[in-house]
Full PDB file with SEQRES, HELIX, SHEET, SSBOND, CRYST1, ORIGX, SCALE, CONECT and MASTER records, all heavy atoms in Angstrom:
SEQRES   1 A   44  LYS SER MET SER ASP LYS VAL ASP GLU MET GLU VAL THR          
SEQRES   2 A   44  LEU ASN ASN MET GLN SER SER PHE GLN VAL HIS THR ALA          
SEQRES   3 A   44  ASN SER GLU ILE HIS ILE SER GLY THR LEU LEU LYS LEU          
SEQRES   4 A   44  PHE ASP GLU ARG SER                                          
HELIX    1 AA1 SER A    2  ALA A   26  1                                  25    
HELIX    2 AA2 SER A   28  ILE A   30  5                                   3    
HELIX    3 AA3 GLY A   34  ARG A   43  1                                  10    
CRYST1    1.000    1.000    1.000  90.00  90.00  90.00 P 1           1          
ORIGX1      1.000000  0.000000  0.000000        0.00000                         
ORIGX2      0.000000  1.000000  0.000000        0.00000                         
ORIGX3      0.000000  0.000000  1.000000        0.00000                         
SCALE1      1.000000  0.000000  0.000000        0.00000                         
SCALE2      0.000000  1.000000  0.000000        0.00000                         
SCALE3      0.000000  0.000000  1.000000        0.00000                         
ATOM      1  N   LYS A   1       0.846  -1.202   0.000  1.00  0.00           N  
ATOM      2  CA  LYS A   1       0.000   0.000   0.000  1.00  0.00           C  
ATOM      3  C   LYS A   1       0.877   1.247   0.000  1.00  0.00           C  
ATOM      4  O   LYS A   1       0.628   2.191  -0.753  1.00  0.00           O  
ATOM      5  CB  LYS A   1      -0.907  -0.020   1.235  1.00  0.00           C  
ATOM      6  CG  LYS A   1      -1.731   1.224   1.422  1.00  0.00           C  
ATOM      7  CD  LYS A   1      -2.970   1.194   0.568  1.00  0.00           C  
ATOM      8  CE  LYS A   1      -3.890   2.325   0.959  1.00  0.00           C  
ATOM      9  NZ  LYS A   1      -4.014   3.328  -0.059  1.00  0.00           N  
ATOM     10  N   SER A   2       1.926   1.245   0.837  1.00  0.00           N  
ATOM     11  CA  SER A   2       2.835   2.383   0.898  1.00  0.00           C  
ATOM     12  C   SER A   2       3.545   2.579  -0.441  1.00  0.00           C  
ATOM     13  O   SER A   2       3.655   3.710  -0.936  1.00  0.00           O  
ATOM     14  CB  SER A   2       3.861   2.160   2.010  1.00  0.00           C  
ATOM     15  OG  SER A   2       4.830   3.168   1.999  1.00  0.00           O  
ATOM     16  N   MET A   3       4.023   1.493  -1.039  1.00  0.00           N  
ATOM     17  CA  MET A   3       4.704   1.593  -2.323  1.00  0.00           C  
ATOM     18  C   MET A   3       3.737   2.067  -3.410  1.00  0.00           C  
ATOM     19  O   MET A   3       4.096   2.884  -4.255  1.00  0.00           O  
ATOM     20  CB  MET A   3       5.317   0.247  -2.720  1.00  0.00           C  
ATOM     21  CG  MET A   3       6.247   0.372  -3.895  1.00  0.00           C  
ATOM     22  SD  MET A   3       7.148  -1.099  -4.424  1.00  0.00           S  
ATOM     23  CE  MET A   3       6.841  -2.343  -3.269  1.00  0.00           C  
ATOM     24  N   SER A   4       2.530   1.584  -3.370  1.00  0.00           N  
ATOM     25  CA  SER A   4       1.522   2.005  -4.342  1.00  0.00           C  
ATOM     26  C   SER A   4       1.230   3.498  -4.213  1.00  0.00           C  
ATOM     27  O   SER A   4       1.114   4.213  -5.215  1.00  0.00           O  
ATOM     28  CB  SER A   4       0.242   1.192  -4.143  1.00  0.00           C  
ATOM     29  OG  SER A   4      -0.780   1.651  -4.983  1.00  0.00           O  
ATOM     30  N   ASP A   5       1.132   3.973  -2.969  1.00  0.00           N  
ATOM     31  CA  ASP A   5       0.906   5.403  -2.741  1.00  0.00           C  
ATOM     32  C   ASP A   5       2.073   6.239  -3.262  1.00  0.00           C  
ATOM     33  O   ASP A   5       1.880   7.292  -3.868  1.00  0.00           O  
ATOM     34  CB  ASP A   5       0.695   5.689  -1.251  1.00  0.00           C  
ATOM     35  CG  ASP A   5      -0.616   5.125  -0.730  1.00  0.00           C  
ATOM     36  OD1 ASP A   5      -1.489   4.791  -1.562  1.00  0.00           O  
ATOM     37  OD2 ASP A   5      -0.761   5.013   0.512  1.00  0.00           O  
ATOM     38  N   LYS A   6       3.313   5.753  -3.051  1.00  0.00           N  
ATOM     39  CA  LYS A   6       4.480   6.486  -3.530  1.00  0.00           C  
ATOM     40  C   LYS A   6       4.524   6.522  -5.054  1.00  0.00           C  
ATOM     41  O   LYS A   6       4.871   7.547  -5.639  1.00  0.00           O  
ATOM     42  CB  LYS A   6       5.759   5.862  -2.974  1.00  0.00           C  
ATOM     43  CG  LYS A   6       5.968   6.145  -1.516  1.00  0.00           C  
ATOM     44  CD  LYS A   6       7.237   5.522  -0.992  1.00  0.00           C  
ATOM     45  CE  LYS A   6       7.373   5.771   0.504  1.00  0.00           C  
ATOM     46  NZ  LYS A   6       8.568   5.142   1.059  1.00  0.00           N  
ATOM     47  N   VAL A   7       4.175   5.404  -5.698  1.00  0.00           N  
ATOM     48  CA  VAL A   7       4.145   5.363  -7.161  1.00  0.00           C  
ATOM     49  C   VAL A   7       3.077   6.323  -7.685  1.00  0.00           C  
ATOM     50  O   VAL A   7       3.307   7.044  -8.662  1.00  0.00           O  
ATOM     51  CB  VAL A   7       3.907   3.927  -7.670  1.00  0.00           C  
ATOM     52  CG1 VAL A   7       3.584   3.905  -9.152  1.00  0.00           C  
ATOM     53  CG2 VAL A   7       5.118   3.057  -7.376  1.00  0.00           C  
ATOM     54  N   ASP A   8       1.921   6.341  -7.042  1.00  0.00           N  
ATOM     55  CA  ASP A   8       0.867   7.284  -7.446  1.00  0.00           C  
ATOM     56  C   ASP A   8       1.327   8.727  -7.287  1.00  0.00           C  
ATOM     57  O   ASP A   8       1.081   9.575  -8.150  1.00  0.00           O  
ATOM     58  CB  ASP A   8      -0.406   7.058  -6.617  1.00  0.00           C  
ATOM     59  CG  ASP A   8      -1.088   5.739  -6.947  1.00  0.00           C  
ATOM     60  OD1 ASP A   8      -0.788   5.161  -8.013  1.00  0.00           O  
ATOM     61  OD2 ASP A   8      -1.914   5.285  -6.125  1.00  0.00           O  
ATOM     62  N   GLU A   9       2.030   8.999  -6.184  1.00  0.00           N  
ATOM     63  CA  GLU A   9       2.539  10.351  -5.945  1.00  0.00           C  
ATOM     64  C   GLU A   9       3.570  10.739  -7.006  1.00  0.00           C  
ATOM     65  O   GLU A   9       3.562  11.864  -7.515  1.00  0.00           O  
ATOM     66  CB  GLU A   9       3.169  10.406  -4.555  1.00  0.00           C  
ATOM     67  CG  GLU A   9       3.704  11.754  -4.153  1.00  0.00           C  
ATOM     68  CD  GLU A   9       4.331  11.720  -2.766  1.00  0.00           C  
ATOM     69  OE1 GLU A   9       3.824  10.977  -1.903  1.00  0.00           O  
ATOM     70  OE2 GLU A   9       5.326  12.425  -2.569  1.00  0.00           O  
ATOM     71  N   MET A  10       4.448   9.794  -7.355  1.00  0.00           N  
ATOM     72  CA  MET A  10       5.449  10.065  -8.397  1.00  0.00           C  
ATOM     73  C   MET A  10       4.778  10.304  -9.747  1.00  0.00           C  
ATOM     74  O   MET A  10       5.208  11.165 -10.517  1.00  0.00           O  
ATOM     75  CB  MET A  10       6.431   8.898  -8.507  1.00  0.00           C  
ATOM     76  CG  MET A  10       7.438   8.843  -7.393  1.00  0.00           C  
ATOM     77  SD  MET A  10       8.544   7.424  -7.448  1.00  0.00           S  
ATOM     78  CE  MET A  10       9.087   7.423  -9.125  1.00  0.00           C  
ATOM     79  N   GLU A  11       3.719   9.556 -10.034  1.00  0.00           N  
ATOM     80  CA  GLU A  11       2.996   9.728 -11.294  1.00  0.00           C  
ATOM     81  C   GLU A  11       2.376  11.114 -11.371  1.00  0.00           C  
ATOM     82  O   GLU A  11       2.457  11.793 -12.400  1.00  0.00           O  
ATOM     83  CB  GLU A  11       1.921   8.650 -11.435  1.00  0.00           C  
ATOM     84  CG  GLU A  11       1.201   8.682 -12.755  1.00  0.00           C  
ATOM     85  CD  GLU A  11       0.172   7.576 -12.887  1.00  0.00           C  
ATOM     86  OE1 GLU A  11      -0.063   6.847 -11.906  1.00  0.00           O  
ATOM     87  OE2 GLU A  11      -0.403   7.460 -13.972  1.00  0.00           O  
ATOM     88  N   VAL A  12       1.792  11.566 -10.277  1.00  0.00           N  
ATOM     89  CA  VAL A  12       1.209  12.911 -10.242  1.00  0.00           C  
ATOM     90  C   VAL A  12       2.305  13.961 -10.430  1.00  0.00           C  
ATOM     91  O   VAL A  12       2.142  14.920 -11.188  1.00  0.00           O  
ATOM     92  CB  VAL A  12       0.447  13.129  -8.906  1.00  0.00           C  
ATOM     93  CG1 VAL A  12       0.099  14.588  -8.709  1.00  0.00           C  
ATOM     94  CG2 VAL A  12      -0.802  12.272  -8.860  1.00  0.00           C  
ATOM     95  N   THR A  13       3.444  13.768  -9.767  1.00  0.00           N  
ATOM     96  CA  THR A  13       4.560  14.706  -9.899  1.00  0.00           C  
ATOM     97  C   THR A  13       5.061  14.753 -11.333  1.00  0.00           C  
ATOM     98  O   THR A  13       5.306  15.833 -11.875  1.00  0.00           O  
ATOM     99  CB  THR A  13       5.713  14.306  -8.948  1.00  0.00           C  
ATOM    100  OG1 THR A  13       5.212  14.280  -7.615  1.00  0.00           O  
ATOM    101  CG2 THR A  13       6.860  15.282  -9.046  1.00  0.00           C  
ATOM    102  N   LEU A  14       5.209  13.591 -11.961  1.00  0.00           N  
ATOM    103  CA  LEU A  14       5.668  13.544 -13.353  1.00  0.00           C  
ATOM    104  C   LEU A  14       4.664  14.209 -14.289  1.00  0.00           C  
ATOM    105  O   LEU A  14       5.047  14.918 -15.224  1.00  0.00           O  
ATOM    106  CB  LEU A  14       5.928  12.105 -13.786  1.00  0.00           C  
ATOM    107  CG  LEU A  14       7.171  11.467 -13.202  1.00  0.00           C  
ATOM    108  CD1 LEU A  14       7.244   9.990 -13.581  1.00  0.00           C  
ATOM    109  CD2 LEU A  14       8.418  12.185 -13.664  1.00  0.00           C  
ATOM    110  N   ASN A  15       3.384  13.994 -14.061  1.00  0.00           N  
ATOM    111  CA  ASN A  15       2.368  14.641 -14.886  1.00  0.00           C  
ATOM    112  C   ASN A  15       2.423  16.157 -14.721  1.00  0.00           C  
ATOM    113  O   ASN A  15       2.289  16.899 -15.699  1.00  0.00           O  
ATOM    114  CB  ASN A  15       0.973  14.121 -14.540  1.00  0.00           C  
ATOM    115  CG  ASN A  15       0.729  12.728 -15.062  1.00  0.00           C  
ATOM    116  OD1 ASN A  15       1.380  12.287 -16.013  1.00  0.00           O  
ATOM    117  ND2 ASN A  15      -0.183  12.012 -14.450  1.00  0.00           N  
ATOM    118  N   ASN A  16       2.626  16.630 -13.487  1.00  0.00           N  
ATOM    119  CA  ASN A  16       2.744  18.071 -13.251  1.00  0.00           C  
ATOM    120  C   ASN A  16       3.978  18.630 -13.947  1.00  0.00           C  
ATOM    121  O   ASN A  16       3.933  19.717 -14.523  1.00  0.00           O  
ATOM    122  CB  ASN A  16       2.810  18.366 -11.753  1.00  0.00           C  
ATOM    123  CG  ASN A  16       1.485  18.142 -11.065  1.00  0.00           C  
ATOM    124  OD1 ASN A  16       0.444  18.103 -11.705  1.00  0.00           O  
ATOM    125  ND2 ASN A  16       1.530  17.976  -9.761  1.00  0.00           N  
ATOM    126  N   MET A  17       5.088  17.884 -13.881  1.00  0.00           N  
ATOM    127  CA  MET A  17       6.312  18.335 -14.545  1.00  0.00           C  
ATOM    128  C   MET A  17       6.115  18.395 -16.056  1.00  0.00           C  
ATOM    129  O   MET A  17       6.562  19.329 -16.710  1.00  0.00           O  
ATOM    130  CB  MET A  17       7.471  17.403 -14.206  1.00  0.00           C  
ATOM    131  CG  MET A  17       7.984  17.544 -12.797  1.00  0.00           C  
ATOM    132  SD  MET A  17       9.232  16.316 -12.352  1.00  0.00           S  
ATOM    133  CE  MET A  17      10.463  16.595 -13.611  1.00  0.00           C  
ATOM    134  N   GLN A  18       5.441  17.394 -16.599  1.00  0.00           N  
ATOM    135  CA  GLN A  18       5.215  17.360 -18.039  1.00  0.00           C  
ATOM    136  C   GLN A  18       4.335  18.525 -18.476  1.00  0.00           C  
ATOM    137  O   GLN A  18       4.632  19.204 -19.458  1.00  0.00           O  
ATOM    138  CB  GLN A  18       4.570  16.038 -18.444  1.00  0.00           C  
ATOM    139  CG  GLN A  18       4.312  15.919 -19.933  1.00  0.00           C  
ATOM    140  CD  GLN A  18       3.617  14.625 -20.290  1.00  0.00           C  
ATOM    141  OE1 GLN A  18       3.154  13.899 -19.419  1.00  0.00           O  
ATOM    142  NE2 GLN A  18       3.530  14.341 -21.558  1.00  0.00           N  
ATOM    143  N   SER A  19       3.266  18.784 -17.746  1.00  0.00           N  
ATOM    144  CA  SER A  19       2.394  19.904 -18.116  1.00  0.00           C  
ATOM    145  C   SER A  19       3.122  21.229 -17.947  1.00  0.00           C  
ATOM    146  O   SER A  19       2.976  22.140 -18.765  1.00  0.00           O  
ATOM    147  CB  SER A  19       1.105  19.879 -17.302  1.00  0.00           C  
ATOM    148  OG  SER A  19       1.375  20.084 -15.937  1.00  0.00           O  
ATOM    149  N   SER A  20       3.938  21.347 -16.896  1.00  0.00           N  
ATOM    150  CA  SER A  20       4.721  22.572 -16.698  1.00  0.00           C  
ATOM    151  C   SER A  20       5.713  22.761 -17.834  1.00  0.00           C  
ATOM    152  O   SER A  20       5.890  23.873 -18.335  1.00  0.00           O  
ATOM    153  CB  SER A  20       5.461  22.488 -15.363  1.00  0.00           C  
ATOM    154  OG  SER A  20       6.313  23.587 -15.210  1.00  0.00           O  
ATOM    155  N   PHE A  21       6.357  21.680 -18.267  1.00  0.00           N  
ATOM    156  CA  PHE A  21       7.310  21.756 -19.377  1.00  0.00           C  
ATOM    157  C   PHE A  21       6.597  22.152 -20.662  1.00  0.00           C  
ATOM    158  O   PHE A  21       7.107  22.960 -21.442  1.00  0.00           O  
ATOM    159  CB  PHE A  21       8.018  20.410 -19.550  1.00  0.00           C  
ATOM    160  CG  PHE A  21       9.043  20.409 -20.636  1.00  0.00           C  
ATOM    161  CD1 PHE A  21      10.249  21.055 -20.462  1.00  0.00           C  
ATOM    162  CD2 PHE A  21       8.803  19.753 -21.831  1.00  0.00           C  
ATOM    163  CE1 PHE A  21      11.199  21.053 -21.457  1.00  0.00           C  
ATOM    164  CE2 PHE A  21       9.744  19.752 -22.833  1.00  0.00           C  
ATOM    165  CZ  PHE A  21      10.947  20.399 -22.645  1.00  0.00           C  
ATOM    166  N   GLN A  22       5.406  21.590 -20.900  1.00  0.00           N  
ATOM    167  CA  GLN A  22       4.661  21.928 -22.112  1.00  0.00           C  
ATOM    168  C   GLN A  22       4.252  23.399 -22.097  1.00  0.00           C  
ATOM    169  O   GLN A  22       4.322  24.067 -23.121  1.00  0.00           O  
ATOM    170  CB  GLN A  22       3.430  21.032 -22.246  1.00  0.00           C  
ATOM    171  CG  GLN A  22       3.776  19.618 -22.643  1.00  0.00           C  
ATOM    172  CD  GLN A  22       2.569  18.701 -22.627  1.00  0.00           C  
ATOM    173  OE1 GLN A  22       1.527  19.037 -22.093  1.00  0.00           O  
ATOM    174  NE2 GLN A  22       2.724  17.530 -23.216  1.00  0.00           N  
ATOM    175  N   VAL A  23       3.834  23.895 -20.958  1.00  0.00           N  
ATOM    176  CA  VAL A  23       3.478  25.315 -20.845  1.00  0.00           C  
ATOM    177  C   VAL A  23       4.708  26.175 -21.100  1.00  0.00           C  
ATOM    178  O   VAL A  23       4.658  27.177 -21.803  1.00  0.00           O  
ATOM    179  CB  VAL A  23       2.865  25.623 -19.454  1.00  0.00           C  
ATOM    180  CG1 VAL A  23       2.795  27.111 -19.205  1.00  0.00           C  
ATOM    181  CG2 VAL A  23       1.493  24.995 -19.339  1.00  0.00           C  
ATOM    182  N   HIS A  24       5.837  25.742 -20.541  1.00  0.00           N  
ATOM    183  CA  HIS A  24       7.077  26.510 -20.683  1.00  0.00           C  
ATOM    184  C   HIS A  24       7.524  26.562 -22.142  1.00  0.00           C  
ATOM    185  O   HIS A  24       7.912  27.613 -22.637  1.00  0.00           O  
ATOM    186  CB  HIS A  24       8.166  25.869 -19.825  1.00  0.00           C  
ATOM    187  CG  HIS A  24       9.468  26.593 -19.873  1.00  0.00           C  
ATOM    188  ND1 HIS A  24       9.689  27.757 -19.195  1.00  0.00           N  
ATOM    189  CD2 HIS A  24      10.612  26.318 -20.526  1.00  0.00           C  
ATOM    190  CE1 HIS A  24      10.919  28.167 -19.425  1.00  0.00           C  
ATOM    191  NE2 HIS A  24      11.505  27.308 -20.232  1.00  0.00           N  
ATOM    192  N   THR A  25       7.472  25.432 -22.838  1.00  0.00           N  
ATOM    193  CA  THR A  25       7.946  25.408 -24.225  1.00  0.00           C  
ATOM    194  C   THR A  25       6.927  26.000 -25.190  1.00  0.00           C  
ATOM    195  O   THR A  25       7.304  26.452 -26.267  1.00  0.00           O  
ATOM    196  CB  THR A  25       8.289  23.978 -24.660  1.00  0.00           C  
ATOM    197  OG1 THR A  25       7.155  23.135 -24.434  1.00  0.00           O  
ATOM    198  CG2 THR A  25       9.477  23.454 -23.901  1.00  0.00           C  
ATOM    199  N   ALA A  26       5.660  25.981 -24.837  1.00  0.00           N  
ATOM    200  CA  ALA A  26       4.641  26.524 -25.728  1.00  0.00           C  
ATOM    201  C   ALA A  26       4.618  28.051 -25.708  1.00  0.00           C  
ATOM    202  O   ALA A  26       4.176  28.683 -26.663  1.00  0.00           O  
ATOM    203  CB  ALA A  26       3.259  25.986 -25.346  1.00  0.00           C  
ATOM    204  N   ASN A  27       5.110  28.656 -24.634  1.00  0.00           N  
ATOM    205  CA  ASN A  27       5.066  30.100 -24.497  1.00  0.00           C  
ATOM    206  C   ASN A  27       6.404  30.689 -24.940  1.00  0.00           C  
ATOM    207  O   ASN A  27       7.389  30.650 -24.209  1.00  0.00           O  
ATOM    208  CB  ASN A  27       4.772  30.474 -23.038  1.00  0.00           C  
ATOM    209  CG  ASN A  27       4.565  31.954 -22.860  1.00  0.00           C  
ATOM    210  OD1 ASN A  27       4.638  32.723 -23.815  1.00  0.00           O  
ATOM    211  ND2 ASN A  27       4.316  32.365 -21.637  1.00  0.00           N  
ATOM    212  N   SER A  28       6.438  31.243 -26.131  1.00  0.00           N  
ATOM    213  CA  SER A  28       7.697  31.795 -26.647  1.00  0.00           C  
ATOM    214  C   SER A  28       8.088  33.080 -25.930  1.00  0.00           C  
ATOM    215  O   SER A  28       9.252  33.484 -25.983  1.00  0.00           O  
ATOM    216  CB  SER A  28       7.579  32.057 -28.148  1.00  0.00           C  
ATOM    217  OG  SER A  28       6.597  33.049 -28.390  1.00  0.00           O  
ATOM    218  N   GLU A  29       7.156  33.728 -25.268  1.00  0.00           N  
ATOM    219  CA  GLU A  29       7.468  34.960 -24.548  1.00  0.00           C  
ATOM    220  C   GLU A  29       8.470  34.708 -23.422  1.00  0.00           C  
ATOM    221  O   GLU A  29       9.175  35.614 -22.995  1.00  0.00           O  
ATOM    222  CB  GLU A  29       6.188  35.581 -23.968  1.00  0.00           C  
ATOM    223  CG  GLU A  29       5.245  36.121 -25.013  1.00  0.00           C  
ATOM    224  CD  GLU A  29       5.842  37.279 -25.806  1.00  0.00           C  
ATOM    225  OE1 GLU A  29       6.526  38.115 -25.201  1.00  0.00           O  
ATOM    226  OE2 GLU A  29       5.631  37.326 -27.019  1.00  0.00           O  
ATOM    227  N   ILE A  30       8.528  33.468 -22.945  1.00  0.00           N  
ATOM    228  CA  ILE A  30       9.473  33.146 -21.885  1.00  0.00           C  
ATOM    229  C   ILE A  30      10.891  33.287 -22.409  1.00  0.00           C  
ATOM    230  O   ILE A  30      11.782  33.761 -21.724  1.00  0.00           O  
ATOM    231  CB  ILE A  30       9.223  31.719 -21.362  1.00  0.00           C  
ATOM    232  CG1 ILE A  30       7.883  31.668 -20.643  1.00  0.00           C  
ATOM    233  CG2 ILE A  30      10.345  31.256 -20.443  1.00  0.00           C  
ATOM    234  CD1 ILE A  30       7.454  30.287 -20.236  1.00  0.00           C  
ATOM    235  N   HIS A  31      11.106  32.886 -23.669  1.00  0.00           N  
ATOM    236  CA  HIS A  31      12.452  32.857 -24.223  1.00  0.00           C  
ATOM    237  C   HIS A  31      12.779  34.065 -25.083  1.00  0.00           C  
ATOM    238  O   HIS A  31      13.910  34.512 -25.110  1.00  0.00           O  
ATOM    239  CB  HIS A  31      12.637  31.588 -25.068  1.00  0.00           C  
ATOM    240  CG  HIS A  31      12.406  30.342 -24.282  1.00  0.00           C  
ATOM    241  ND1 HIS A  31      13.290  29.876 -23.357  1.00  0.00           N  
ATOM    242  CD2 HIS A  31      11.370  29.475 -24.268  1.00  0.00           C  
ATOM    243  CE1 HIS A  31      12.825  28.774 -22.817  1.00  0.00           C  
ATOM    244  NE2 HIS A  31      11.665  28.508 -23.343  1.00  0.00           N  
ATOM    245  N   ILE A  32      11.805  34.548 -25.824  1.00  0.00           N  
ATOM    246  CA  ILE A  32      12.060  35.639 -26.771  1.00  0.00           C  
ATOM    247  C   ILE A  32      11.202  36.827 -26.368  1.00  0.00           C  
ATOM    248  O   ILE A  32       9.999  36.826 -26.530  1.00  0.00           O  
ATOM    249  CB  ILE A  32      11.720  35.206 -28.210  1.00  0.00           C  
ATOM    250  CG1 ILE A  32      12.553  33.989 -28.585  1.00  0.00           C  
ATOM    251  CG2 ILE A  32      11.959  36.340 -29.178  1.00  0.00           C  
ATOM    252  CD1 ILE A  32      12.201  33.381 -29.906  1.00  0.00           C  
ATOM    253  N   SER A  33      11.862  37.834 -25.862  1.00  0.00           N  
ATOM    254  CA  SER A  33      11.141  39.041 -25.462  1.00  0.00           C  
ATOM    255  C   SER A  33      11.486  40.157 -26.442  1.00  0.00           C  
ATOM    256  O   SER A  33      12.393  40.031 -27.270  1.00  0.00           O  
ATOM    257  CB  SER A  33      11.528  39.438 -24.038  1.00  0.00           C  
ATOM    258  OG  SER A  33      12.896  39.788 -23.995  1.00  0.00           O  
ATOM    259  N   GLY A  34      10.787  41.235 -26.323  1.00  0.00           N  
ATOM    260  CA  GLY A  34      11.052  42.384 -27.174  1.00  0.00           C  
ATOM    261  C   GLY A  34      12.457  42.922 -26.980  1.00  0.00           C  
ATOM    262  O   GLY A  34      13.128  43.322 -27.936  1.00  0.00           O  
ATOM    263  N   THR A  35      12.916  42.907 -25.734  1.00  0.00           N  
ATOM    264  CA  THR A  35      14.271  43.384 -25.443  1.00  0.00           C  
ATOM    265  C   THR A  35      15.312  42.500 -26.112  1.00  0.00           C  
ATOM    266  O   THR A  35      16.290  43.002 -26.684  1.00  0.00           O  
ATOM    267  CB  THR A  35      14.511  43.395 -23.923  1.00  0.00           C  
ATOM    268  OG1 THR A  35      13.478  44.154 -23.294  1.00  0.00           O  
ATOM    269  CG2 THR A  35      15.859  43.968 -23.577  1.00  0.00           C  
ATOM    270  N   LEU A  36      15.104  41.198 -26.069  1.00  0.00           N  
ATOM    271  CA  LEU A  36      16.042  40.280 -26.709  1.00  0.00           C  
ATOM    272  C   LEU A  36      16.063  40.487 -28.218  1.00  0.00           C  
ATOM    273  O   LEU A  36      17.134  40.503 -28.832  1.00  0.00           O  
ATOM    274  CB  LEU A  36      15.680  38.835 -26.369  1.00  0.00           C  
ATOM    275  CG  LEU A  36      16.602  37.755 -26.921  1.00  0.00           C  
ATOM    276  CD1 LEU A  36      18.015  37.927 -26.353  1.00  0.00           C  
ATOM    277  CD2 LEU A  36      16.074  36.379 -26.602  1.00  0.00           C  
ATOM    278  N   LEU A  37      14.902  40.673 -28.816  1.00  0.00           N  
ATOM    279  CA  LEU A  37      14.853  40.932 -30.256  1.00  0.00           C  
ATOM    280  C   LEU A  37      15.569  42.236 -30.607  1.00  0.00           C  
ATOM    281  O   LEU A  37      16.274  42.325 -31.618  1.00  0.00           O  
ATOM    282  CB  LEU A  37      13.405  40.972 -30.742  1.00  0.00           C  
ATOM    283  CG  LEU A  37      12.674  39.625 -30.726  1.00  0.00           C  
ATOM    284  CD1 LEU A  37      11.216  39.831 -31.089  1.00  0.00           C  
ATOM    285  CD2 LEU A  37      13.340  38.643 -31.663  1.00  0.00           C  
ATOM    286  N   LYS A  38      15.403  43.238 -29.757  1.00  0.00           N  
ATOM    287  CA  LYS A  38      16.091  44.511 -29.976  1.00  0.00           C  
ATOM    288  C   LYS A  38      17.605  44.323 -29.900  1.00  0.00           C  
ATOM    289  O   LYS A  38      18.355  44.866 -30.719  1.00  0.00           O  
ATOM    290  CB  LYS A  38      15.625  45.539 -28.940  1.00  0.00           C  
ATOM    291  CG  LYS A  38      16.241  46.904 -29.123  1.00  0.00           C  
ATOM    292  CD  LYS A  38      15.710  47.865 -28.084  1.00  0.00           C  
ATOM    293  CE  LYS A  38      16.425  49.207 -28.223  1.00  0.00           C  
ATOM    294  NZ  LYS A  38      16.057  50.125 -27.165  1.00  0.00           N  
ATOM    295  N   LEU A  39      18.061  43.539 -28.927  1.00  0.00           N  
ATOM    296  CA  LEU A  39      19.491  43.262 -28.805  1.00  0.00           C  
ATOM    297  C   LEU A  39      20.012  42.513 -30.034  1.00  0.00           C  
ATOM    298  O   LEU A  39      21.114  42.806 -30.522  1.00  0.00           O  
ATOM    299  CB  LEU A  39      19.771  42.447 -27.540  1.00  0.00           C  
ATOM    300  CG  LEU A  39      19.645  43.192 -26.222  1.00  0.00           C  
ATOM    301  CD1 LEU A  39      19.781  42.219 -25.053  1.00  0.00           C  
ATOM    302  CD2 LEU A  39      20.690  44.279 -26.120  1.00  0.00           C  
ATOM    303  N   PHE A  40      19.233  41.571 -30.535  1.00  0.00           N  
ATOM    304  CA  PHE A  40      19.629  40.856 -31.751  1.00  0.00           C  
ATOM    305  C   PHE A  40      19.749  41.805 -32.933  1.00  0.00           C  
ATOM    306  O   PHE A  40      20.684  41.713 -33.734  1.00  0.00           O  
ATOM    307  CB  PHE A  40      18.635  39.743 -32.088  1.00  0.00           C  
ATOM    308  CG  PHE A  40      18.763  38.511 -31.221  1.00  0.00           C  
ATOM    309  CD1 PHE A  40      17.673  37.678 -31.042  1.00  0.00           C  
ATOM    310  CD2 PHE A  40      19.954  38.185 -30.601  1.00  0.00           C  
ATOM    311  CE1 PHE A  40      17.778  36.537 -30.268  1.00  0.00           C  
ATOM    312  CE2 PHE A  40      20.065  37.047 -29.811  1.00  0.00           C  
ATOM    313  CZ  PHE A  40      18.970  36.225 -29.645  1.00  0.00           C  
ATOM    314  N   ASP A  41      18.791  42.726 -33.060  1.00  0.00           N  
ATOM    315  CA  ASP A  41      18.828  43.698 -34.161  1.00  0.00           C  
ATOM    316  C   ASP A  41      20.056  44.598 -34.036  1.00  0.00           C  
ATOM    317  O   ASP A  41      20.740  44.872 -35.032  1.00  0.00           O  
ATOM    318  CB  ASP A  41      17.554  44.545 -34.177  1.00  0.00           C  
ATOM    319  CG  ASP A  41      16.341  43.752 -34.642  1.00  0.00           C  
ATOM    320  OD1 ASP A  41      16.535  42.705 -35.307  1.00  0.00           O  
ATOM    321  OD2 ASP A  41      15.212  44.178 -34.332  1.00  0.00           O  
ATOM    322  N   GLU A  42      20.327  45.059 -32.829  1.00  0.00           N  
ATOM    323  CA  GLU A  42      21.502  45.910 -32.620  1.00  0.00           C  
ATOM    324  C   GLU A  42      22.784  45.147 -32.935  1.00  0.00           C  
ATOM    325  O   GLU A  42      23.702  45.684 -33.555  1.00  0.00           O  
ATOM    326  CB  GLU A  42      21.537  46.425 -31.181  1.00  0.00           C  
ATOM    327  CG  GLU A  42      20.464  47.454 -30.877  1.00  0.00           C  
ATOM    328  CD  GLU A  42      20.444  47.854 -29.411  1.00  0.00           C  
ATOM    329  OE1 GLU A  42      21.290  47.347 -28.623  1.00  0.00           O  
ATOM    330  OE2 GLU A  42      19.580  48.667 -29.036  1.00  0.00           O  
ATOM    331  N   ARG A  43      22.857  43.901 -32.528  1.00  0.00           N  
ATOM    332  CA  ARG A  43      24.037  43.082 -32.809  1.00  0.00           C  
ATOM    333  C   ARG A  43      24.185  42.865 -34.314  1.00  0.00           C  
ATOM    334  O   ARG A  43      25.295  42.945 -34.856  1.00  0.00           O  
ATOM    335  CB  ARG A  43      23.912  41.738 -32.076  1.00  0.00           C  
ATOM    336  CG  ARG A  43      25.041  40.796 -32.321  1.00  0.00           C  
ATOM    337  CD  ARG A  43      26.296  41.271 -31.664  1.00  0.00           C  
ATOM    338  NE  ARG A  43      27.359  40.314 -31.912  1.00  0.00           N  
ATOM    339  CZ  ARG A  43      28.618  40.580 -31.837  1.00  0.00           C  
ATOM    340  NH1 ARG A  43      29.018  41.785 -31.479  1.00  0.00           N  
ATOM    341  NH2 ARG A  43      29.521  39.668 -32.076  1.00  0.00           N  
ATOM    342  N   SER A  44      23.090  42.624 -34.987  1.00  0.00           N  
ATOM    343  CA  SER A  44      23.126  42.447 -36.442  1.00  0.00           C  
ATOM    344  C   SER A  44      23.615  43.717 -37.130  1.00  0.00           C  
ATOM    345  O   SER A  44      24.462  43.658 -38.043  1.00  0.00           O  
ATOM    346  CB  SER A  44      21.735  42.064 -36.953  1.00  0.00           C  
ATOM    347  OG  SER A  44      21.717  42.013 -38.351  1.00  0.00           O  
TER     348      SER A  44                                                      
MASTER        0    0    0    3    0    0    0    6  347    1    0    4          
END                                                                             
């Protein structure tokens, strides 16, 4: 029962991590901001 509960807890944690990762990668604003684009233009 204890092992089953721990496996269930790990499954929930992994699902949360996966959804968090999908949100993180789906949102380009996290990685590319207006300031970063401006810096790229200035560097170019």
